[in-house]
Protein backbone atom coordinates (compact mmCIF):
# COMPACT_ATOMS: atom_id res chain seq x y z
CA MET A 1 0.00 0.00 0.00
CA SER A 2 1.21 3.48 -0.81
CA ILE A 3 0.45 6.76 0.85
CA ALA A 4 -1.47 7.85 -2.26
CA SER A 5 -3.79 4.85 -2.09
CA ASP A 6 -4.28 5.35 1.68
CA ILE A 7 -5.23 8.99 1.09
CA ARG A 8 -7.58 7.99 -1.72
CA ASP A 9 -9.25 5.33 0.45
CA LEU A 10 -9.74 7.86 3.25
CA ALA A 11 -11.16 10.45 0.85
CA VAL A 12 -13.53 7.89 -0.71
CA ALA A 13 -14.79 6.88 2.74
CA GLY A 14 -15.17 10.51 3.80
CA ILE A 15 -17.27 11.67 0.87
CA GLY A 16 -19.44 8.59 1.29
CA GLU A 17 -20.53 9.79 4.72
CA ASP A 18 -23.40 12.21 5.33
CA ASN A 19 -21.19 14.48 7.42
CA LYS A 20 -20.58 17.98 6.02
CA GLU A 21 -17.35 18.62 7.90
CA LEU A 22 -15.85 15.20 7.17
CA SER A 23 -16.66 15.39 3.47
CA TYR A 24 -15.13 18.89 3.30
CA ASP A 25 -11.94 17.68 4.99
CA CYS A 26 -11.72 14.67 2.68
CA MET A 27 -12.14 16.81 -0.44
CA GLU A 28 -9.40 19.09 0.86
CA LEU A 29 -7.17 16.08 1.55
CA TRP A 30 -7.75 14.66 -1.95
CA LEU A 31 -7.01 17.99 -3.60
CA SER A 32 -3.78 18.26 -1.61
CA ALA A 33 -2.82 14.75 -2.69
CA LEU A 34 -3.44 15.64 -6.33
CA LYS A 35 -1.22 18.70 -5.99
CA THR A 36 1.66 16.94 -4.27
CA LEU A 37 1.43 13.37 -5.65
CA PRO A 38 -0.18 13.79 -9.08
CA LYS A 39 1.44 10.79 -10.76
CA THR A 40 1.05 8.30 -7.91
CA VAL A 41 -2.52 9.17 -7.01
CA PHE A 42 -3.89 7.70 -10.23
CA SER A 43 -1.24 5.08 -10.98
CA SER A 44 -1.71 3.40 -7.61
CA ASN A 45 -5.32 2.37 -8.13
CA SER A 46 -6.22 -1.28 -8.40
CA GLY A 47 -6.60 -1.32 -12.16
CA GLY A 48 -3.36 0.50 -12.84
CA SER A 49 -5.01 3.05 -15.11
CA VAL A 50 -7.62 5.72 -14.83
CA SER A 51 -9.93 4.43 -17.55
CA ASP A 52 -10.07 1.82 -20.25
CA SER A 53 -10.66 4.27 -23.11
CA ALA A 54 -11.73 7.80 -23.97
CA SER A 55 -15.34 6.77 -23.44
CA GLY A 56 -14.90 3.78 -21.14
CA PRO A 57 -15.57 3.55 -17.44
CA VAL A 58 -13.29 5.39 -15.06
CA SER A 59 -11.84 2.93 -12.57
CA ASP A 60 -10.36 5.32 -10.01
CA PRO A 61 -12.29 4.77 -6.74
CA PHE A 62 -12.37 8.46 -5.79
CA LEU A 63 -13.70 9.57 -9.16
CA VAL A 64 -16.32 6.82 -9.06
CA ALA A 65 -17.37 7.83 -5.51
CA LEU A 66 -17.51 11.49 -6.54
CA LEU A 67 -20.59 10.95 -8.75
CA PRO A 68 -23.05 9.90 -6.01
CA PHE A 69 -21.56 12.60 -3.78
CA LEU A 70 -22.39 15.20 -6.44
CA LYS A 71 -25.91 13.78 -6.81
CA LYS A 72 -26.37 14.42 -3.07
CA ALA A 73 -25.33 18.05 -3.64
CA CYS A 74 -22.09 17.43 -1.72
CA ASN A 75 -24.05 16.84 1.48
CA ALA A 76 -25.51 20.36 1.10
CA ASN A 77 -22.14 21.90 1.96
CA ALA A 78 -21.75 25.02 -0.19
CA ALA A 79 -18.05 25.35 0.72
CA ILE A 80 -17.18 22.09 -1.04
CA TYR A 81 -18.07 23.47 -4.46
CA ALA A 82 -14.99 25.71 -4.33
CA PHE A 83 -12.90 22.53 -4.75
CA PHE A 84 -14.27 21.51 -8.14
CA LEU A 85 -12.48 23.96 -10.42
CA PRO A 86 -9.08 23.21 -8.81
CA LEU A 87 -9.95 19.51 -8.93
CA LEU A 88 -10.62 19.63 -12.68
CA SER A 89 -7.43 21.58 -13.29
CA LEU A 90 -5.41 18.81 -11.61
CA LEU A 91 -7.05 15.83 -13.30
CA PRO A 92 -5.09 14.09 -16.04
CA LEU A 93 -6.10 14.74 -19.62
CA GLU A 94 -7.09 11.08 -19.83
CA ILE A 95 -10.01 11.80 -17.48
CA LEU A 96 -10.96 15.21 -18.84
CA SER A 97 -11.21 13.77 -22.34
CA ASN A 98 -13.23 10.76 -21.20
CA THR A 99 -16.61 11.76 -22.59
CA LYS A 100 -18.57 9.14 -20.66
CA TYR A 101 -17.13 10.17 -17.30
CA MET A 102 -17.45 13.90 -17.96
CA ASP A 103 -21.08 13.45 -19.10
CA ASP A 104 -21.76 11.52 -15.89
CA PHE A 105 -19.88 14.15 -13.86
CA PHE A 106 -21.99 17.04 -15.16
CA ALA A 107 -25.23 15.04 -14.98
CA ALA A 108 -24.50 14.19 -11.33
CA PHE A 109 -23.57 17.80 -10.66
CA TRP A 110 -26.89 18.98 -12.08
CA LYS A 111 -28.82 16.31 -10.16
CA GLY A 112 -27.81 18.14 -7.00
CA VAL A 113 -29.86 21.15 -8.09
CA GLU A 114 -33.01 19.03 -7.90
CA ILE A 115 -32.67 18.52 -4.14
CA ASP A 116 -35.45 20.68 -2.78
CA THR A 117 -34.00 21.06 0.72
CA LEU A 118 -31.01 23.11 -0.45
CA LYS A 119 -30.69 26.65 0.79
CA GLN A 120 -30.24 29.46 -1.73
CA GLU A 121 -26.58 29.82 -0.73
CA GLU A 122 -25.98 26.15 -1.58
CA VAL A 123 -27.78 26.41 -4.93
CA ASP A 124 -25.77 29.52 -5.80
CA ALA A 125 -22.48 27.78 -4.95
CA LEU A 126 -23.49 24.69 -6.94
CA LEU A 127 -24.44 26.68 -10.04
CA LYS A 128 -21.32 28.84 -9.85
CA ALA A 129 -19.07 25.78 -9.64
CA TYR A 130 -21.00 24.00 -12.41
CA PHE A 131 -20.54 26.84 -14.87
CA GLU A 132 -16.92 27.44 -13.83
CA CYS A 133 -16.16 23.80 -14.61
CA ILE A 134 -17.90 23.98 -17.99
CA LEU A 135 -16.04 27.16 -18.87
CA TYR A 136 -12.73 25.62 -17.80
CA LEU A 137 -13.24 22.65 -20.12
CA VAL A 138 -14.39 24.84 -23.01
CA VAL A 139 -11.26 26.97 -22.71
CA LYS A 140 -8.98 23.95 -22.18
CA PHE A 141 -10.26 22.12 -25.23
CA SER A 142 -10.86 25.06 -27.54
CA TYR A 143 -8.71 25.27 -30.63
CA ASP A 144 -6.10 27.99 -30.52
CA PRO A 145 -4.21 28.34 -33.83
CA ILE A 146 -1.32 30.24 -32.23
CA THR A 147 -0.51 27.66 -29.57
CA SER A 148 -1.09 24.72 -31.89
CA PHE A 149 1.26 26.33 -34.44
CA LEU A 150 3.97 26.75 -31.81
CA GLN A 151 3.81 23.10 -30.75
């Protein structure tokens, strides 16, 4: 077992709980792991790779656990939504270009809006993060003739 897989297992367990503070701490822990251990976090999973193809299932346990967490509106913790833009910016291109996972990611994100017990502050944070993530991907994958010419 590596430290990266231990951190991932802890983060997966934490976002699976219905505890706002614990899920916040686990998201923060996972983001820190991505920043400091970017290569080992994804290479240490049980399958050895993030996904089978550009449209195949993502096998990373944290990314799999993230979808139901999003559907629950991140346990109605508005502060957690601030993690999603940095999270996307640290994910490998292999995940960001996985159309199946990203479709599921945004569908789960939007499902959180349907929870009728959310406060306005939580809905605002959810929508802001949702559109920030979409904009990030549009900019990341848009064609830029200057940078493509230089490469």
